[in-house]
């Protein structure tokens, strides 16, 4: 009957953990059963069972830190003669501004 309506359901094997991340908390579901329901091109994920825990979101604190690409870090490191790790730290401190990071490491 589902096939006649353009629907199909498949199980996702070997799922260890599902994390639902909100701004304020993470909902972690350990060892759930997960199924994908395809309905007319839309995918619906069904998560059932498992042990559910909630915790404060760790990503909220890190959201204010800029994401530093390897390419940017290498560029700053090449321009200053410093290591890539030092360049990454300078980029984070300078909120991703390449010119400021180079100046910071040169002084």
PDB file of N, CA and C in Angstrom:
ATOM      1  N   UNK A   1       0.824  -1.189   0.000  1.00  0.00           N
ATOM      2  CA  UNK A   1       0.000   0.000   0.000  1.00  0.00           C
ATOM      3  C   UNK A   1       0.874   1.262   0.000  1.00  0.00           C
ATOM      4  N   UNK A   2       1.999   1.219   0.778  1.00  0.00           N
ATOM      5  CA  UNK A   2       2.893   2.374   0.828  1.00  0.00           C
ATOM      6  C   UNK A   2       3.483   2.658  -0.547  1.00  0.00           C
ATOM      7  N   UNK A   3       3.854   1.598  -1.287  1.00  0.00           N
ATOM      8  CA  UNK A   3       4.450   1.786  -2.606  1.00  0.00           C
ATOM      9  C   UNK A   3       3.468   2.429  -3.565  1.00  0.00           C
ATOM     10  N   UNK A   4       2.197   2.074  -3.459  1.00  0.00           N
ATOM     11  CA  UNK A   4       1.193   2.678  -4.331  1.00  0.00           C
ATOM     12  C   UNK A   4       1.037   4.167  -4.061  1.00  0.00           C
ATOM     13  N   UNK A   5       1.304   4.577  -2.839  1.00  0.00           N
ATOM     14  CA  UNK A   5       1.198   5.986  -2.476  1.00  0.00           C
ATOM     15  C   UNK A   5       2.511   6.742  -2.696  1.00  0.00           C
ATOM     16  N   UNK A   6       3.525   6.071  -3.251  1.00  0.00           N
ATOM     17  CA  UNK A   6       4.811   6.708  -3.505  1.00  0.00           C
ATOM     18  C   UNK A   6       5.666   6.828  -2.266  1.00  0.00           C
ATOM     19  N   UNK A   7       5.498   5.905  -1.322  1.00  0.00           N
ATOM     20  CA  UNK A   7       6.240   5.944  -0.061  1.00  0.00           C
ATOM     21  C   UNK A   7       7.106   4.704   0.060  1.00  0.00           C
ATOM     22  N   UNK A   8       8.263   4.873   0.685  1.00  0.00           N
ATOM     23  CA  UNK A   8       9.114   3.729   1.001  1.00  0.00           C
ATOM     24  C   UNK A   8       9.797   3.987   2.336  1.00  0.00           C
ATOM     25  N   UNK A   9      10.106   2.908   3.053  1.00  0.00           N
ATOM     26  CA  UNK A   9      10.749   3.045   4.359  1.00  0.00           C
ATOM     27  C   UNK A   9      11.953   2.112   4.405  1.00  0.00           C
ATOM     28  N   UNK A  10      13.096   2.661   4.843  1.00  0.00           N
ATOM     29  CA  UNK A  10      14.321   1.882   4.973  1.00  0.00           C
ATOM     30  C   UNK A  10      14.913   2.108   6.352  1.00  0.00           C
ATOM     31  N   UNK A  11      15.482   1.053   6.923  1.00  0.00           N
ATOM     32  CA  UNK A  11      16.161   1.163   8.218  1.00  0.00           C
ATOM     33  C   UNK A  11      17.603   1.605   7.993  1.00  0.00           C
ATOM     34  N   UNK A  12      18.138   2.362   8.951  1.00  0.00           N
ATOM     35  CA  UNK A  12      19.540   2.760   8.920  1.00  0.00           C
ATOM     36  C   UNK A  12      20.268   1.851   9.903  1.00  0.00           C
ATOM     37  N   UNK A  13      21.222   1.084   9.400  1.00  0.00           N
ATOM     38  CA  UNK A  13      21.928   0.101  10.229  1.00  0.00           C
ATOM     39  C   UNK A  13      23.062   0.734  11.025  1.00  0.00           C
ATOM     40  N   UNK A  14      23.413   0.110  12.133  1.00  0.00           N
ATOM     41  CA  UNK A  14      24.587   0.437  12.950  1.00  0.00           C
ATOM     42  C   UNK A  14      24.611   1.864  13.476  1.00  0.00           C
ATOM     43  N   UNK A  15      23.454   2.424  13.821  1.00  0.00           N
ATOM     44  CA  UNK A  15      23.417   3.772  14.384  1.00  0.00           C
ATOM     45  C   UNK A  15      23.828   3.683  15.846  1.00  0.00           C
ATOM     46  N   UNK A  16      24.827   4.461  16.227  1.00  0.00           N
ATOM     47  CA  UNK A  16      25.309   4.464  17.602  1.00  0.00           C
ATOM     48  C   UNK A  16      24.731   5.619  18.403  1.00  0.00           C
ATOM     49  N   UNK A  17      24.506   6.763  17.731  1.00  0.00           N
ATOM     50  CA  UNK A  17      24.103   7.946  18.468  1.00  0.00           C
ATOM     51  C   UNK A  17      23.420   8.935  17.522  1.00  0.00           C
ATOM     52  N   UNK A  18      22.379   9.605  18.035  1.00  0.00           N
ATOM     53  CA  UNK A  18      21.731  10.694  17.316  1.00  0.00           C
ATOM     54  C   UNK A  18      21.788  11.910  18.237  1.00  0.00           C
ATOM     55  N   UNK A  19      22.230  13.045  17.696  1.00  0.00           N
ATOM     56  CA  UNK A  19      22.314  14.271  18.488  1.00  0.00           C
ATOM     57  C   UNK A  19      21.392  15.306  17.859  1.00  0.00           C
ATOM     58  N   UNK A  20      20.501  15.840  18.678  1.00  0.00           N
ATOM     59  CA  UNK A  20      19.649  16.942  18.252  1.00  0.00           C
ATOM     60  C   UNK A  20      20.196  18.173  18.954  1.00  0.00           C
ATOM     61  N   UNK A  21      20.718  19.106  18.171  1.00  0.00           N
ATOM     62  CA  UNK A  21      21.418  20.256  18.730  1.00  0.00           C
ATOM     63  C   UNK A  21      20.533  21.497  18.612  1.00  0.00           C
ATOM     64  N   UNK A  22      20.267  22.136  19.748  1.00  0.00           N
ATOM     65  CA  UNK A  22      19.543  23.397  19.768  1.00  0.00           C
ATOM     66  C   UNK A  22      20.505  24.478  20.243  1.00  0.00           C
ATOM     67  N   UNK A  23      20.042  25.704  20.319  1.00  0.00           N
ATOM     68  CA  UNK A  23      20.920  26.774  20.783  1.00  0.00           C
ATOM     69  C   UNK A  23      21.335  26.594  22.228  1.00  0.00           C
ATOM     70  N   UNK A  24      20.433  26.042  23.042  1.00  0.00           N
ATOM     71  CA  UNK A  24      20.714  25.981  24.476  1.00  0.00           C
ATOM     72  C   UNK A  24      21.093  24.601  24.991  1.00  0.00           C
ATOM     73  N   UNK A  25      20.794  23.537  24.248  1.00  0.00           N
ATOM     74  CA  UNK A  25      21.086  22.203  24.759  1.00  0.00           C
ATOM     75  C   UNK A  25      21.280  21.211  23.623  1.00  0.00           C
ATOM     76  N   UNK A  26      21.891  20.092  23.959  1.00  0.00           N
ATOM     77  CA  UNK A  26      22.035  18.962  23.055  1.00  0.00           C
ATOM     78  C   UNK A  26      21.214  17.815  23.622  1.00  0.00           C
ATOM     79  N   UNK A  27      20.410  17.184  22.780  1.00  0.00           N
ATOM     80  CA  UNK A  27      19.665  15.993  23.171  1.00  0.00           C
ATOM     81  C   UNK A  27      20.385  14.825  22.506  1.00  0.00           C
ATOM     82  N   UNK A  28      20.915  13.925  23.325  1.00  0.00           N
ATOM     83  CA  UNK A  28      21.722  12.816  22.830  1.00  0.00           C
ATOM     84  C   UNK A  28      20.938  11.528  23.017  1.00  0.00           C
ATOM     85  N   UNK A  29      20.765  10.774  21.935  1.00  0.00           N
ATOM     86  CA  UNK A  29      20.048   9.510  21.972  1.00  0.00           C
ATOM     87  C   UNK A  29      21.048   8.408  21.629  1.00  0.00           C
ATOM     88  N   UNK A  30      21.329   7.551  22.603  1.00  0.00           N
ATOM     89  CA  UNK A  30      22.298   6.460  22.423  1.00  0.00           C
ATOM     90  C   UNK A  30      21.586   5.199  21.949  1.00  0.00           C
ATOM     91  N   UNK A  31      22.171   4.499  21.005  1.00  0.00           N
ATOM     92  CA  UNK A  31      21.686   3.220  20.484  1.00  0.00           C
ATOM     93  C   UNK A  31      20.226   3.269  20.024  1.00  0.00           C
ATOM     94  N   UNK A  32      19.856   4.271  19.206  1.00  0.00           N
ATOM     95  CA  UNK A  32      18.469   4.333  18.736  1.00  0.00           C
ATOM     96  C   UNK A  32      18.258   3.462  17.503  1.00  0.00           C
ATOM     97  N   UNK A  33      17.010   3.247  17.176  1.00  0.00           N
ATOM     98  CA  UNK A  33      16.640   2.646  15.908  1.00  0.00           C
ATOM     99  C   UNK A  33      16.217   3.795  15.000  1.00  0.00           C
ATOM    100  N   UNK A  34      16.782   3.854  13.798  1.00  0.00           N
ATOM    101  CA  UNK A  34      16.508   4.961  12.893  1.00  0.00           C
ATOM    102  C   UNK A  34      15.971   4.409  11.580  1.00  0.00           C
ATOM    103  N   UNK A  35      14.892   5.023  11.111  1.00  0.00           N
ATOM    104  CA  UNK A  35      14.301   4.656   9.827  1.00  0.00           C
ATOM    105  C   UNK A  35      14.140   5.922   8.992  1.00  0.00           C
ATOM    106  N   UNK A  36      14.246   5.747   7.675  1.00  0.00           N
ATOM    107  CA  UNK A  36      14.044   6.864   6.751  1.00  0.00           C
ATOM    108  C   UNK A  36      12.793   6.555   5.934  1.00  0.00           C
ATOM    109  N   UNK A  37      11.849   7.464   5.977  1.00  0.00           N
ATOM    110  CA  UNK A  37      10.613   7.336   5.231  1.00  0.00           C
ATOM    111  C   UNK A  37      10.674   8.316   4.063  1.00  0.00           C
ATOM    112  N   UNK A  38      10.603   7.807   2.836  1.00  0.00           N
ATOM    113  CA  UNK A  38      10.586   8.643   1.635  1.00  0.00           C
ATOM    114  C   UNK A  38       9.150   8.816   1.191  1.00  0.00           C
ATOM    115  N   UNK A  39       8.700  10.075   1.181  1.00  0.00           N
ATOM    116  CA  UNK A  39       7.340  10.369   0.727  1.00  0.00           C
ATOM    117  C   UNK A  39       7.408  11.454  -0.329  1.00  0.00           C
ATOM    118  N   UNK A  40       7.180  11.084  -1.569  1.00  0.00           N
ATOM    119  CA  UNK A  40       7.125  12.024  -2.680  1.00  0.00           C
ATOM    120  C   UNK A  40       8.332  12.960  -2.691  1.00  0.00           C
ATOM    121  N   UNK A  41       9.517  12.429  -2.530  1.00  0.00           N
ATOM    122  CA  UNK A  41      10.745  13.209  -2.585  1.00  0.00           C
ATOM    123  C   UNK A  41      11.173  13.820  -1.264  1.00  0.00           C
ATOM    124  N   UNK A  42      10.347  13.757  -0.249  1.00  0.00           N
ATOM    125  CA  UNK A  42      10.684  14.264   1.082  1.00  0.00           C
ATOM    126  C   UNK A  42      11.197  13.104   1.928  1.00  0.00           C
ATOM    127  N   UNK A  43      12.235  13.345   2.715  1.00  0.00           N
ATOM    128  CA  UNK A  43      12.758  12.330   3.631  1.00  0.00           C
ATOM    129  C   UNK A  43      12.359  12.684   5.048  1.00  0.00           C
ATOM    130  N   UNK A  44      11.805  11.710   5.749  1.00  0.00           N
ATOM    131  CA  UNK A  44      11.439  11.866   7.150  1.00  0.00           C
ATOM    132  C   UNK A  44      12.262  10.854   7.937  1.00  0.00           C
ATOM    133  N   UNK A  45      12.987  11.332   8.945  1.00  0.00           N
ATOM    134  CA  UNK A  45      13.797  10.456   9.775  1.00  0.00           C
ATOM    135  C   UNK A  45      13.036  10.148  11.049  1.00  0.00           C
ATOM    136  N   UNK A  46      12.890   8.873  11.341  1.00  0.00           N
ATOM    137  CA  UNK A  46      12.203   8.437  12.549  1.00  0.00           C
ATOM    138  C   UNK A  46      13.239   7.839  13.495  1.00  0.00           C
ATOM    139  N   UNK A  47      13.314   8.390  14.701  1.00  0.00           N
ATOM    140  CA  UNK A  47      14.262   7.934  15.709  1.00  0.00           C
ATOM    141  C   UNK A  47      13.446   7.349  16.852  1.00  0.00           C
ATOM    142  N   UNK A  48      13.722   6.084  17.205  1.00  0.00           N
ATOM    143  CA  UNK A  48      12.949   5.431  18.256  1.00  0.00           C
ATOM    144  C   UNK A  48      13.876   4.708  19.216  1.00  0.00           C
ATOM    145  N   UNK A  49      13.438   4.639  20.476  1.00  0.00           N
ATOM    146  CA  UNK A  49      14.176   3.889  21.484  1.00  0.00           C
ATOM    147  C   UNK A  49      15.458   4.571  21.888  1.00  0.00           C
ATOM    148  N   UNK A  50      16.295   3.815  22.572  1.00  0.00           N
ATOM    149  CA  UNK A  50      17.576   4.346  23.009  1.00  0.00           C
ATOM    150  C   UNK A  50      17.483   5.097  24.315  1.00  0.00           C
ATOM    151  N   UNK A  51      18.633   5.440  24.849  1.00  0.00           N
ATOM    152  CA  UNK A  51      18.742   6.190  26.092  1.00  0.00           C
ATOM    153  C   UNK A  51      18.894   7.669  25.754  1.00  0.00           C
ATOM    154  N   UNK A  52      18.032   8.499  26.336  1.00  0.00           N
ATOM    155  CA  UNK A  52      18.025   9.930  26.030  1.00  0.00           C
ATOM    156  C   UNK A  52      18.634  10.706  27.190  1.00  0.00           C
ATOM    157  N   UNK A  53      19.598  11.586  26.866  1.00  0.00           N
ATOM    158  CA  UNK A  53      20.160  12.498  27.859  1.00  0.00           C
ATOM    159  C   UNK A  53      20.171  13.899  27.271  1.00  0.00           C
ATOM    160  N   UNK A  54      20.064  14.881  28.144  1.00  0.00           N
ATOM    161  CA  UNK A  54      20.135  16.277  27.722  1.00  0.00           C
ATOM    162  C   UNK A  54      21.285  16.943  28.455  1.00  0.00           C
ATOM    163  N   UNK A  55      21.986  17.813  27.739  1.00  0.00           N
ATOM    164  CA  UNK A  55      23.073  18.559  28.378  1.00  0.00           C
ATOM    165  C   UNK A  55      23.154  19.934  27.742  1.00  0.00           C
ATOM    166  N   UNK A  56      23.752  20.852  28.468  1.00  0.00           N
ATOM    167  CA  UNK A  56      23.929  22.211  27.954  1.00  0.00           C
ATOM    168  C   UNK A  56      24.784  22.148  26.695  1.00  0.00           C
ATOM    169  N   UNK A  57      24.475  22.970  25.758  1.00  0.00           N
ATOM    170  CA  UNK A  57      25.179  22.955  24.475  1.00  0.00           C
ATOM    171  C   UNK A  57      26.609  23.436  24.633  1.00  0.00           C
ATOM    172  N   UNK A  58      27.555  22.619  24.190  1.00  0.00           N
ATOM    173  CA  UNK A  58      28.971  22.996  24.217  1.00  0.00           C
ATOM    174  C   UNK A  58      29.290  23.946  23.075  1.00  0.00           C
ATOM    175  N   UNK A  59      28.532  23.840  21.989  1.00  0.00           N
ATOM    176  CA  UNK A  59      28.809  24.664  20.812  1.00  0.00           C
ATOM    177  C   UNK A  59      28.435  26.118  21.011  1.00  0.00           C
ATOM    178  N   UNK A  60      27.617  26.431  22.009  1.00  0.00           N
ATOM    179  CA  UNK A  60      27.204  27.822  22.233  1.00  0.00           C
ATOM    180  C   UNK A  60      28.401  28.697  22.590  1.00  0.00           C
ATOM    181  N   UNK A  61      29.299  28.189  23.420  1.00  0.00           N
ATOM    182  CA  UNK A  61      30.472  28.968  23.815  1.00  0.00           C
ATOM    183  C   UNK A  61      31.452  29.128  22.658  1.00  0.00           C
ATOM    184  N   UNK A  62      31.550  28.089  21.830  1.00  0.00           N
ATOM    185  CA  UNK A  62      32.511  28.154  20.728  1.00  0.00           C
ATOM    186  C   UNK A  62      31.963  28.906  19.524  1.00  0.00           C
ATOM    187  N   UNK A  63      30.681  29.259  19.552  1.00  0.00           N
ATOM    188  CA  UNK A  63      30.088  29.948  18.408  1.00  0.00           C
ATOM    189  C   UNK A  63      30.705  31.322  18.188  1.00  0.00           C
ATOM    190  N   UNK A  64      31.214  31.945  19.240  1.00  0.00           N
ATOM    191  CA  UNK A  64      31.786  33.272  19.097  1.00  0.00           C
ATOM    192  C   UNK A  64      33.194  33.231  18.505  1.00  0.00           C
ATOM    193  N   UNK A  65      33.854  32.089  18.534  1.00  0.00           N
ATOM    194  CA  UNK A  65      35.189  31.973  17.961  1.00  0.00           C
ATOM    195  C   UNK A  65      35.078  31.809  16.449  1.00  0.00           C
ATOM    196  N   UNK A  66      35.894  32.535  15.695  1.00  0.00           N
ATOM    197  CA  UNK A  66      35.833  32.376  14.242  1.00  0.00           C
ATOM    198  C   UNK A  66      36.434  31.033  13.818  1.00  0.00           C
ATOM    199  N   UNK A  67      35.944  30.529  12.719  1.00  0.00           N
ATOM    200  CA  UNK A  67      36.493  29.297  12.159  1.00  0.00           C
ATOM    201  C   UNK A  67      37.689  29.692  11.304  1.00  0.00           C
ATOM    202  N   UNK A  68      38.830  29.092  11.609  1.00  0.00           N
ATOM    203  CA  UNK A  68      40.068  29.421  10.907  1.00  0.00           C
ATOM    204  C   UNK A  68      40.374  28.303   9.917  1.00  0.00           C
ATOM    205  N   UNK A  69      40.438  28.646   8.645  1.00  0.00           N
ATOM    206  CA  UNK A  69      40.737  27.640   7.632  1.00  0.00           C
ATOM    207  C   UNK A  69      42.242  27.349   7.615  1.00  0.00           C
ATOM    208  N   UNK A  70      42.576  26.152   7.168  1.00  0.00           N
ATOM    209  CA  UNK A  70      43.989  25.762   7.049  1.00  0.00           C
ATOM    210  C   UNK A  70      44.709  26.678   6.065  1.00  0.00           C
ATOM    211  N   UNK A  71      44.011  27.069   5.013  1.00  0.00           N
ATOM    212  CA  UNK A  71      44.609  27.942   4.003  1.00  0.00           C
ATOM    213  C   UNK A  71      44.991  29.294   4.606  1.00  0.00           C
ATOM    214  N   UNK A  72      44.090  29.878   5.399  1.00  0.00           N
ATOM    215  CA  UNK A  72      44.385  31.160   6.054  1.00  0.00           C
ATOM    216  C   UNK A  72      45.548  31.016   7.028  1.00  0.00           C
ATOM    217  N   UNK A  73      45.533  29.935   7.803  1.00  0.00           N
ATOM    218  CA  UNK A  73      46.601  29.726   8.780  1.00  0.00           C
ATOM    219  C   UNK A  73      47.955  29.568   8.084  1.00  0.00           C
ATOM    220  N   UNK A  74      47.979  28.824   6.966  1.00  0.00           N
ATOM    221  CA  UNK A  74      49.233  28.648   6.224  1.00  0.00           C
ATOM    222  C   UNK A  74      49.723  29.972   5.641  1.00  0.00           C
ATOM    223  N   UNK A  75      48.795  30.780   5.155  1.00  0.00           N
ATOM    224  CA  UNK A  75      49.161  32.079   4.598  1.00  0.00           C
ATOM    225  C   UNK A  75      49.800  32.962   5.663  1.00  0.00           C
ATOM    226  N   UNK A  76      49.185  33.036   6.838  1.00  0.00           N
ATOM    227  CA  UNK A  76      49.734  33.844   7.931  1.00  0.00           C
ATOM    228  C   UNK A  76      51.078  33.283   8.378  1.00  0.00           C
ATOM    229  N   UNK A  77      51.178  31.962   8.478  1.00  0.00           N
ATOM    230  CA  UNK A  77      52.437  31.326   8.882  1.00  0.00           C
ATOM    231  C   UNK A  77      53.543  31.629   7.872  1.00  0.00           C
ATOM    232  N   UNK A  78      53.231  31.549   6.582  1.00  0.00           N
ATOM    233  CA  UNK A  78      54.224  31.840   5.539  1.00  0.00           C
ATOM    234  C   UNK A  78      54.674  33.294   5.575  1.00  0.00           C
ATOM    235  N   UNK A  79      53.747  34.197   5.815  1.00  0.00           N
ATOM    236  CA  UNK A  79      54.074  35.624   5.830  1.00  0.00           C
ATOM    237  C   UNK A  79      54.895  36.031   7.046  1.00  0.00           C
ATOM    238  N   UNK A  80      54.740  35.286   8.146  1.00  0.00           N
ATOM    239  CA  UNK A  80      55.403  35.692   9.394  1.00  0.00           C
ATOM    240  C   UNK A  80      56.558  34.792   9.796  1.00  0.00           C
ATOM    241  N   UNK A  81      56.682  33.637   9.165  1.00  0.00           N
ATOM    242  CA  UNK A  81      57.729  32.700   9.549  1.00  0.00           C
ATOM    243  C   UNK A  81      57.401  31.935  10.827  1.00  0.00           C
ATOM    244  N   UNK A  82      56.173  32.003  11.271  1.00  0.00           N
ATOM    245  CA  UNK A  82      55.740  31.300  12.484  1.00  0.00           C
ATOM    246  C   UNK A  82      55.110  29.964  12.105  1.00  0.00           C
ATOM    247  N   UNK A  83      54.819  29.152  13.123  1.00  0.00           N
ATOM    248  CA  UNK A  83      54.193  27.852  12.873  1.00  0.00           C
ATOM    249  C   UNK A  83      52.709  28.037  12.542  1.00  0.00           C
ATOM    250  N   UNK A  84      52.118  27.013  11.957  1.00  0.00           N
ATOM    251  CA  UNK A  84      50.701  27.051  11.611  1.00  0.00           C
ATOM    252  C   UNK A  84      49.852  27.169  12.878  1.00  0.00           C
ATOM    253  N   UNK A  85      50.259  26.486  13.949  1.00  0.00           N
ATOM    254  CA  UNK A  85      49.515  26.577  15.210  1.00  0.00           C
ATOM    255  C   UNK A  85      49.536  27.997  15.770  1.00  0.00           C
ATOM    256  N   UNK A  86      50.700  28.652  15.727  1.00  0.00           N
ATOM    257  CA  UNK A  86      50.796  30.042  16.183  1.00  0.00           C
ATOM    258  C   UNK A  86      49.928  30.952  15.318  1.00  0.00           C
ATOM    259  N   UNK A  87      49.910  30.672  14.021  1.00  0.00           N
ATOM    260  CA  UNK A  87      49.097  31.467  13.103  1.00  0.00           C
ATOM    261  C   UNK A  87      47.609  31.291  13.410  1.00  0.00           C
ATOM    262  N   UNK A  88      47.198  30.063  13.706  1.00  0.00           N
ATOM    263  CA  UNK A  88      45.790  29.810  14.059  1.00  0.00           C
ATOM    264  C   UNK A  88      45.400  30.565  15.322  1.00  0.00           C
ATOM    265  N   UNK A  89      46.263  30.526  16.330  1.00  0.00           N
ATOM    266  CA  UNK A  89      45.969  31.244  17.576  1.00  0.00           C
ATOM    267  C   UNK A  89      45.841  32.743  17.328  1.00  0.00           C
ATOM    268  N   UNK A  90      46.722  33.285  16.498  1.00  0.00           N
ATOM    269  CA  UNK A  90      46.666  34.709  16.183  1.00  0.00           C
ATOM    270  C   UNK A  90      45.389  35.045  15.410  1.00  0.00           C
ATOM    271  N   UNK A  91      44.994  34.181  14.497  1.00  0.00           N
ATOM    272  CA  UNK A  91      43.763  34.413  13.733  1.00  0.00           C
ATOM    273  C   UNK A  91      42.536  34.383  14.627  1.00  0.00           C
ATOM    274  N   UNK A  92      42.503  33.476  15.592  1.00  0.00           N
ATOM    275  CA  UNK A  92      41.387  33.420  16.534  1.00  0.00           C
ATOM    276  C   UNK A  92      41.363  34.695  17.371  1.00  0.00           C
ATOM    277  N   UNK A  93      42.537  35.110  17.842  1.00  0.00           N
ATOM    278  CA  UNK A  93      42.633  36.325  18.650  1.00  0.00           C
ATOM    279  C   UNK A  93      42.200  37.560  17.864  1.00  0.00           C
ATOM    280  N   UNK A  94      42.505  37.566  16.566  1.00  0.00           N
ATOM    281  CA  UNK A  94      42.164  38.705  15.716  1.00  0.00           C
ATOM    282  C   UNK A  94      40.833  38.501  14.987  1.00  0.00           C
ATOM    283  N   UNK A  95      40.044  37.554  15.453  1.00  0.00           N
ATOM    284  CA  UNK A  95      38.711  37.277  14.915  1.00  0.00           C
ATOM    285  C   UNK A  95      38.722  37.010  13.414  1.00  0.00           C
ATOM    286  N   UNK A  96      39.755  36.300  12.953  1.00  0.00           N
ATOM    287  CA  UNK A  96      39.838  35.891  11.562  1.00  0.00           C
ATOM    288  C   UNK A  96      40.419  36.917  10.614  1.00  0.00           C
ATOM    289  N   UNK A  97      40.804  38.078  11.107  1.00  0.00           N
ATOM    290  CA  UNK A  97      41.366  39.135  10.260  1.00  0.00           C
ATOM    291  C   UNK A  97      42.817  38.798   9.925  1.00  0.00           C
ATOM    292  N   UNK A  98      43.085  38.500   8.654  1.00  0.00           N
ATOM    293  CA  UNK A  98      44.423  38.073   8.228  1.00  0.00           C
ATOM    294  C   UNK A  98      45.476  39.154   8.471  1.00  0.00           C
ATOM    295  N   UNK A  99      45.173  40.379   8.078  1.00  0.00           N
ATOM    296  CA  UNK A  99      46.155  41.462   8.217  1.00  0.00           C
ATOM    297  C   UNK A  99      46.502  41.698   9.683  1.00  0.00           C
ATOM    298  N   UNK A 100      45.502  41.738  10.548  1.00  0.00           N
ATOM    299  CA  UNK A 100      45.767  41.932  11.968  1.00  0.00           C
ATOM    300  C   UNK A 100      46.588  40.787  12.553  1.00  0.00           C
ATOM    301  N   UNK A 101      46.308  39.565  12.129  1.00  0.00           N
ATOM    302  CA  UNK A 101      47.047  38.413  12.640  1.00  0.00           C
ATOM    303  C   UNK A 101      48.512  38.489  12.213  1.00  0.00           C
ATOM    304  N   UNK A 102      48.749  38.890  10.972  1.00  0.00           N
ATOM    305  CA  UNK A 102      50.142  39.019  10.502  1.00  0.00           C
ATOM    306  C   UNK A 102      50.872  40.105  11.290  1.00  0.00           C
ATOM    307  N   UNK A 103      50.206  41.235  11.472  1.00  0.00           N
ATOM    308  CA  UNK A 103      50.829  42.312  12.256  1.00  0.00           C
ATOM    309  C   UNK A 103      51.095  41.883  13.690  1.00  0.00           C
ATOM    310  N   UNK A 104      50.161  41.174  14.279  1.00  0.00           N
ATOM    311  CA  UNK A 104      50.325  40.706  15.654  1.00  0.00           C
ATOM    312  C   UNK A 104      51.546  39.796  15.785  1.00  0.00           C
ATOM    313  N   UNK A 105      51.722  38.891  14.837  1.00  0.00           N
ATOM    314  CA  UNK A 105      52.852  37.953  14.914  1.00  0.00           C
ATOM    315  C   UNK A 105      54.167  38.604  14.525  1.00  0.00           C
ATOM    316  N   UNK A 106      54.154  39.676  13.792  1.00  0.00           N
ATOM    317  CA  UNK A 106      55.393  40.348  13.397  1.00  0.00           C
ATOM    318  C   UNK A 106      55.917  41.280  14.491  1.00  0.00           C
ATOM    319  N   UNK A 107      55.069  41.678  15.412  1.00  0.00           N
ATOM    320  CA  UNK A 107      55.511  42.596  16.461  1.00  0.00           C
ATOM    321  C   UNK A 107      55.847  41.840  17.740  1.00  0.00           C
TER     322      UNK A 107
END
